[in-house]
Amino acid sequence: TMTIHNEEQIVDVHVRSGVYSSDTIFDYTHGYIATRLFSRNACFIMKIKKEIIPDLQEIGRLAFERETMRDVYSPNNVWAQFQAGSSRIGHLKDWVLYGKHIENLCTGLPLYE
């Protein structure tokens, strides 16, 4: 499921698929995306690259297309591949940078950038 909060510039994406379940937050105000993979008990964070990641209005349009057409015919599908590296636990300075929504998603989990 996807929830778009236009006033907060936030998109919440919840994937419920057994071992592949995840929650993702697109925080356009702070410019970061965080994905919590439940099978790995970890949080992956990446900077939003405007040339690759659709803006908030475009994500809403793509979600509408998918809901109405049941298939996205747009070339703007968003996929990210994370490479495991060193992790760390977030601190206050991280949460100021990433924002409260990502803090709520990732507090207490190893962070991978």
N, C-alpha and C. Protein backbone atom coordinates (compact mmCIF):
# COMPACT_ATOMS: atom_id res chain seq x y z
N THR A 1 0.84 -1.18 0.00
CA THR A 1 0.00 0.00 0.00
C THR A 1 0.88 1.24 0.00
N MET A 2 0.35 2.31 -0.54
CA MET A 2 1.08 3.57 -0.58
C MET A 2 0.19 4.67 -0.02
N THR A 3 0.77 5.49 0.85
CA THR A 3 0.08 6.65 1.39
C THR A 3 0.92 7.87 1.11
N ILE A 4 0.32 8.88 0.50
CA ILE A 4 1.03 10.11 0.17
C ILE A 4 0.51 11.22 1.07
N HIS A 5 1.42 11.87 1.80
CA HIS A 5 1.10 12.98 2.68
C HIS A 5 1.67 14.25 2.03
N ASN A 6 0.87 14.89 1.19
CA ASN A 6 1.35 16.06 0.45
C ASN A 6 1.82 17.18 1.36
N GLU A 7 1.08 17.44 2.45
CA GLU A 7 1.43 18.55 3.33
C GLU A 7 2.76 18.34 4.04
N GLU A 8 3.13 17.10 4.29
CA GLU A 8 4.41 16.79 4.96
C GLU A 8 5.49 16.38 3.97
N GLN A 9 5.16 16.27 2.68
CA GLN A 9 6.10 15.85 1.64
C GLN A 9 6.68 14.46 1.93
N ILE A 10 5.80 13.54 2.35
CA ILE A 10 6.17 12.18 2.74
C ILE A 10 5.35 11.18 1.94
N VAL A 11 6.01 10.08 1.52
CA VAL A 11 5.31 8.94 0.92
C VAL A 11 5.67 7.72 1.75
N ASP A 12 4.65 7.00 2.24
CA ASP A 12 4.84 5.74 2.97
C ASP A 12 4.46 4.60 2.04
N VAL A 13 5.35 3.62 1.91
CA VAL A 13 5.06 2.44 1.09
C VAL A 13 5.23 1.21 1.99
N HIS A 14 4.17 0.41 2.08
CA HIS A 14 4.18 -0.79 2.90
C HIS A 14 4.02 -2.00 1.98
N VAL A 15 4.98 -2.90 2.01
CA VAL A 15 4.93 -4.12 1.22
C VAL A 15 4.76 -5.28 2.20
N ARG A 16 3.67 -6.03 2.06
CA ARG A 16 3.43 -7.19 2.91
C ARG A 16 3.53 -8.43 2.03
N SER A 17 4.67 -9.10 2.13
CA SER A 17 4.91 -10.26 1.28
C SER A 17 5.79 -11.25 2.02
N GLY A 18 5.34 -11.67 3.18
CA GLY A 18 6.09 -12.67 3.95
C GLY A 18 7.50 -12.23 4.26
N VAL A 19 8.47 -13.05 3.87
CA VAL A 19 9.87 -12.77 4.18
C VAL A 19 10.38 -11.51 3.45
N TYR A 20 9.69 -11.07 2.41
CA TYR A 20 10.09 -9.89 1.64
C TYR A 20 9.38 -8.61 2.09
N SER A 21 8.72 -8.64 3.24
CA SER A 21 7.99 -7.47 3.73
C SER A 21 8.95 -6.33 4.06
N SER A 22 8.45 -5.11 3.80
CA SER A 22 9.26 -3.93 4.07
C SER A 22 8.37 -2.71 4.22
N ASP A 23 8.93 -1.68 4.84
CA ASP A 23 8.32 -0.35 4.89
C ASP A 23 9.34 0.61 4.32
N THR A 24 8.87 1.55 3.50
CA THR A 24 9.75 2.54 2.90
C THR A 24 9.14 3.92 3.09
N ILE A 25 9.99 4.89 3.39
CA ILE A 25 9.56 6.28 3.50
C ILE A 25 10.38 7.11 2.52
N PHE A 26 9.68 7.86 1.68
CA PHE A 26 10.28 8.87 0.82
C PHE A 26 10.05 10.20 1.53
N ASP A 27 11.09 10.81 2.07
CA ASP A 27 10.96 12.10 2.76
C ASP A 27 11.54 13.17 1.85
N TYR A 28 10.66 13.85 1.11
CA TYR A 28 11.10 14.86 0.15
C TYR A 28 11.57 16.13 0.84
N THR A 29 11.12 16.41 2.05
CA THR A 29 11.57 17.59 2.77
C THR A 29 13.05 17.48 3.12
N HIS A 30 13.47 16.31 3.61
CA HIS A 30 14.87 16.10 4.01
C HIS A 30 15.71 15.52 2.87
N GLY A 31 15.05 14.98 1.84
CA GLY A 31 15.76 14.48 0.67
C GLY A 31 16.34 13.08 0.82
N TYR A 32 15.66 12.22 1.61
CA TYR A 32 16.14 10.86 1.82
C TYR A 32 15.03 9.84 1.67
N ILE A 33 15.44 8.62 1.34
CA ILE A 33 14.55 7.46 1.30
C ILE A 33 15.11 6.45 2.30
N ALA A 34 14.24 5.90 3.12
CA ALA A 34 14.65 4.85 4.06
C ALA A 34 13.77 3.63 3.85
N THR A 35 14.40 2.47 3.79
CA THR A 35 13.69 1.20 3.65
C THR A 35 14.06 0.30 4.81
N ARG A 36 13.04 -0.17 5.50
CA ARG A 36 13.24 -1.13 6.59
C ARG A 36 12.84 -2.51 6.08
N LEU A 37 13.85 -3.39 5.97
CA LEU A 37 13.60 -4.77 5.55
C LEU A 37 13.40 -5.61 6.80
N PHE A 38 12.22 -6.17 6.95
CA PHE A 38 11.91 -6.91 8.17
C PHE A 38 12.71 -8.20 8.27
N SER A 39 13.02 -8.83 7.15
CA SER A 39 13.77 -10.09 7.20
C SER A 39 15.22 -9.86 7.65
N ARG A 40 15.74 -8.67 7.45
CA ARG A 40 17.12 -8.38 7.83
C ARG A 40 17.21 -7.56 9.10
N ASN A 41 16.07 -7.07 9.60
CA ASN A 41 16.06 -6.23 10.79
C ASN A 41 17.08 -5.10 10.64
N ALA A 42 17.00 -4.40 9.50
CA ALA A 42 17.94 -3.33 9.19
C ALA A 42 17.23 -2.23 8.41
N CYS A 43 17.86 -1.05 8.40
CA CYS A 43 17.34 0.10 7.67
C CYS A 43 18.37 0.56 6.65
N PHE A 44 17.93 0.78 5.42
CA PHE A 44 18.80 1.24 4.35
C PHE A 44 18.37 2.65 3.98
N ILE A 45 19.32 3.57 3.93
CA ILE A 45 19.01 4.97 3.67
C ILE A 45 19.80 5.43 2.46
N MET A 46 19.12 6.17 1.58
CA MET A 46 19.81 6.75 0.42
C MET A 46 19.28 8.15 0.16
N LYS A 47 20.12 8.96 -0.42
CA LYS A 47 19.75 10.32 -0.79
C LYS A 47 18.87 10.26 -2.03
N ILE A 48 17.86 11.12 -2.06
CA ILE A 48 16.99 11.20 -3.24
C ILE A 48 17.75 11.92 -4.34
N LYS A 49 17.95 11.23 -5.46
CA LYS A 49 18.57 11.84 -6.63
C LYS A 49 17.44 12.25 -7.57
N LYS A 50 17.26 13.54 -7.74
CA LYS A 50 16.12 14.06 -8.49
C LYS A 50 16.09 13.59 -9.94
N GLU A 51 17.24 13.26 -10.51
CA GLU A 51 17.26 12.80 -11.90
C GLU A 51 16.82 11.34 -12.02
N ILE A 52 16.75 10.62 -10.91
CA ILE A 52 16.38 9.20 -10.93
C ILE A 52 15.03 8.95 -10.25
N ILE A 53 14.82 9.56 -9.09
CA ILE A 53 13.62 9.33 -8.28
C ILE A 53 12.54 10.33 -8.68
N PRO A 54 11.34 9.87 -9.01
CA PRO A 54 10.26 10.79 -9.37
C PRO A 54 9.91 11.74 -8.22
N ASP A 55 9.45 12.94 -8.57
CA ASP A 55 9.03 13.87 -7.52
C ASP A 55 7.70 13.40 -6.92
N LEU A 56 7.27 14.09 -5.88
CA LEU A 56 6.08 13.67 -5.13
C LEU A 56 4.84 13.58 -6.02
N GLN A 57 4.63 14.56 -6.89
CA GLN A 57 3.45 14.55 -7.76
C GLN A 57 3.52 13.39 -8.76
N GLU A 58 4.72 13.09 -9.25
CA GLU A 58 4.88 11.99 -10.21
C GLU A 58 4.60 10.64 -9.54
N ILE A 59 5.06 10.46 -8.31
CA ILE A 59 4.77 9.21 -7.59
C ILE A 59 3.26 9.05 -7.42
N GLY A 60 2.58 10.14 -7.09
CA GLY A 60 1.13 10.09 -6.97
C GLY A 60 0.46 9.70 -8.28
N ARG A 61 0.96 10.25 -9.38
CA ARG A 61 0.41 9.92 -10.69
C ARG A 61 0.65 8.45 -11.03
N LEU A 62 1.87 7.96 -10.75
CA LEU A 62 2.19 6.55 -11.02
C LEU A 62 1.32 5.62 -10.18
N ALA A 63 1.08 6.01 -8.92
CA ALA A 63 0.21 5.20 -8.05
C ALA A 63 -1.21 5.18 -8.60
N PHE A 64 -1.68 6.32 -9.08
CA PHE A 64 -3.02 6.39 -9.67
C PHE A 64 -3.11 5.52 -10.91
N GLU A 65 -2.07 5.59 -11.76
CA GLU A 65 -2.04 4.73 -12.95
C GLU A 65 -2.13 3.27 -12.57
N ARG A 66 -1.34 2.89 -11.59
CA ARG A 66 -1.32 1.48 -11.18
C ARG A 66 -2.67 1.05 -10.63
N GLU A 67 -3.29 1.92 -9.86
CA GLU A 67 -4.59 1.58 -9.28
C GLU A 67 -5.65 1.47 -10.36
N THR A 68 -5.63 2.37 -11.32
CA THR A 68 -6.68 2.35 -12.33
C THR A 68 -6.40 1.39 -13.47
N MET A 69 -5.14 1.20 -13.81
CA MET A 69 -4.81 0.35 -14.95
C MET A 69 -4.35 -1.04 -14.52
N ARG A 70 -4.04 -1.21 -13.25
CA ARG A 70 -3.53 -2.47 -12.70
C ARG A 70 -2.18 -2.86 -13.29
N ASP A 71 -1.59 -1.96 -14.02
CA ASP A 71 -0.26 -2.20 -14.57
C ASP A 71 0.33 -0.84 -14.91
N VAL A 72 1.54 -0.60 -14.52
CA VAL A 72 2.16 0.69 -14.81
C VAL A 72 2.83 0.61 -16.18
N TYR A 73 2.37 1.44 -17.10
CA TYR A 73 2.94 1.48 -18.44
C TYR A 73 3.99 2.57 -18.57
N SER A 74 4.42 3.10 -17.45
CA SER A 74 5.38 4.20 -17.46
C SER A 74 6.80 3.66 -17.36
N PRO A 75 7.77 4.31 -18.02
CA PRO A 75 9.17 3.88 -17.91
C PRO A 75 9.82 4.35 -16.62
N ASN A 76 9.06 5.04 -15.78
CA ASN A 76 9.63 5.64 -14.57
C ASN A 76 9.47 4.77 -13.33
N ASN A 77 9.58 3.46 -13.46
CA ASN A 77 9.54 2.59 -12.29
C ASN A 77 10.76 2.87 -11.43
N VAL A 78 10.58 2.81 -10.12
CA VAL A 78 11.67 3.10 -9.19
C VAL A 78 12.18 1.79 -8.60
N TRP A 79 13.45 1.51 -8.81
CA TRP A 79 14.09 0.34 -8.22
C TRP A 79 15.39 0.80 -7.60
N ALA A 80 15.74 0.24 -6.50
CA ALA A 80 17.02 0.56 -5.87
C ALA A 80 17.70 -0.74 -5.49
N GLN A 81 18.99 -0.78 -5.64
CA GLN A 81 19.76 -1.94 -5.23
C GLN A 81 20.72 -1.48 -4.14
N PHE A 82 20.66 -2.15 -3.00
CA PHE A 82 21.52 -1.80 -1.89
C PHE A 82 22.67 -2.78 -1.82
N GLN A 83 23.86 -2.26 -1.61
CA GLN A 83 25.02 -3.10 -1.41
C GLN A 83 25.37 -3.05 0.07
N ALA A 84 25.47 -4.22 0.68
CA ALA A 84 25.78 -4.28 2.10
C ALA A 84 27.16 -3.69 2.35
N GLY A 85 27.27 -2.95 3.40
CA GLY A 85 28.54 -2.37 3.81
C GLY A 85 28.56 -2.33 5.32
N SER A 86 29.25 -1.37 5.86
CA SER A 86 29.28 -1.27 7.32
C SER A 86 28.03 -0.56 7.81
N SER A 87 27.57 -0.96 8.95
CA SER A 87 26.36 -0.37 9.53
C SER A 87 26.73 0.36 10.81
N ARG A 88 25.78 1.17 11.26
CA ARG A 88 25.93 1.85 12.54
C ARG A 88 24.54 2.13 13.08
N ILE A 89 24.48 2.41 14.35
CA ILE A 89 23.21 2.79 14.97
C ILE A 89 23.09 4.30 14.87
N GLY A 90 21.90 4.80 14.53
CA GLY A 90 21.69 6.23 14.37
C GLY A 90 21.84 6.99 15.68
N HIS A 91 22.32 8.22 15.57
CA HIS A 91 22.47 9.13 16.70
C HIS A 91 21.67 10.39 16.43
N LEU A 92 21.62 11.29 17.39
CA LEU A 92 20.83 12.51 17.28
C LEU A 92 21.12 13.29 16.00
N LYS A 93 22.41 13.42 15.64
CA LYS A 93 22.75 14.18 14.42
C LYS A 93 22.17 13.52 13.16
N ASP A 94 22.08 12.19 13.16
CA ASP A 94 21.47 11.49 12.02
C ASP A 94 20.00 11.84 11.90
N TRP A 95 19.29 11.84 13.02
CA TRP A 95 17.85 12.06 12.98
C TRP A 95 17.53 13.51 12.61
N VAL A 96 18.42 14.44 12.96
CA VAL A 96 18.23 15.83 12.50
C VAL A 96 18.35 15.88 10.98
N LEU A 97 19.32 15.16 10.43
CA LEU A 97 19.54 15.13 8.99
C LEU A 97 18.41 14.40 8.26
N TYR A 98 18.02 13.22 8.76
CA TYR A 98 17.05 12.37 8.07
C TYR A 98 15.60 12.72 8.37
N GLY A 99 15.32 13.34 9.51
CA GLY A 99 13.96 13.72 9.88
C GLY A 99 13.25 12.70 10.75
N LYS A 100 12.15 13.16 11.36
CA LYS A 100 11.44 12.35 12.36
C LYS A 100 10.77 11.12 11.77
N HIS A 101 10.32 11.17 10.53
CA HIS A 101 9.64 10.01 9.93
C HIS A 101 10.62 8.84 9.75
N ILE A 102 11.81 9.16 9.28
CA ILE A 102 12.83 8.11 9.11
C ILE A 102 13.33 7.67 10.49
N GLU A 103 13.43 8.58 11.42
CA GLU A 103 13.81 8.20 12.79
C GLU A 103 12.81 7.19 13.36
N ASN A 104 11.52 7.46 13.19
CA ASN A 104 10.49 6.54 13.69
C ASN A 104 10.60 5.16 13.04
N LEU A 105 10.96 5.13 11.77
CA LEU A 105 11.08 3.86 11.05
C LEU A 105 12.33 3.09 11.46
N CYS A 106 13.42 3.79 11.72
CA CYS A 106 14.74 3.13 11.82
C CYS A 106 15.38 3.14 13.21
N THR A 107 14.80 3.78 14.19
CA THR A 107 15.42 3.84 15.51
C THR A 107 15.70 2.44 16.05
N GLY A 108 16.93 2.25 16.53
CA GLY A 108 17.34 0.98 17.14
C GLY A 108 17.79 -0.07 16.14
N LEU A 109 17.74 0.22 14.85
CA LEU A 109 18.18 -0.73 13.83
C LEU A 109 19.53 -0.31 13.25
N PRO A 110 20.29 -1.26 12.75
CA PRO A 110 21.52 -0.88 12.04
C PRO A 110 21.17 -0.05 10.80
N LEU A 111 21.90 1.03 10.57
CA LEU A 111 21.70 1.88 9.41
C LEU A 111 22.78 1.60 8.36
N TYR A 112 22.36 1.46 7.13
CA TYR A 112 23.26 1.30 6.00
C TYR A 112 22.98 2.45 5.05
N GLU A 113 24.01 3.19 4.67
CA GLU A 113 23.81 4.29 3.72
C GLU A 113 24.24 3.87 2.35
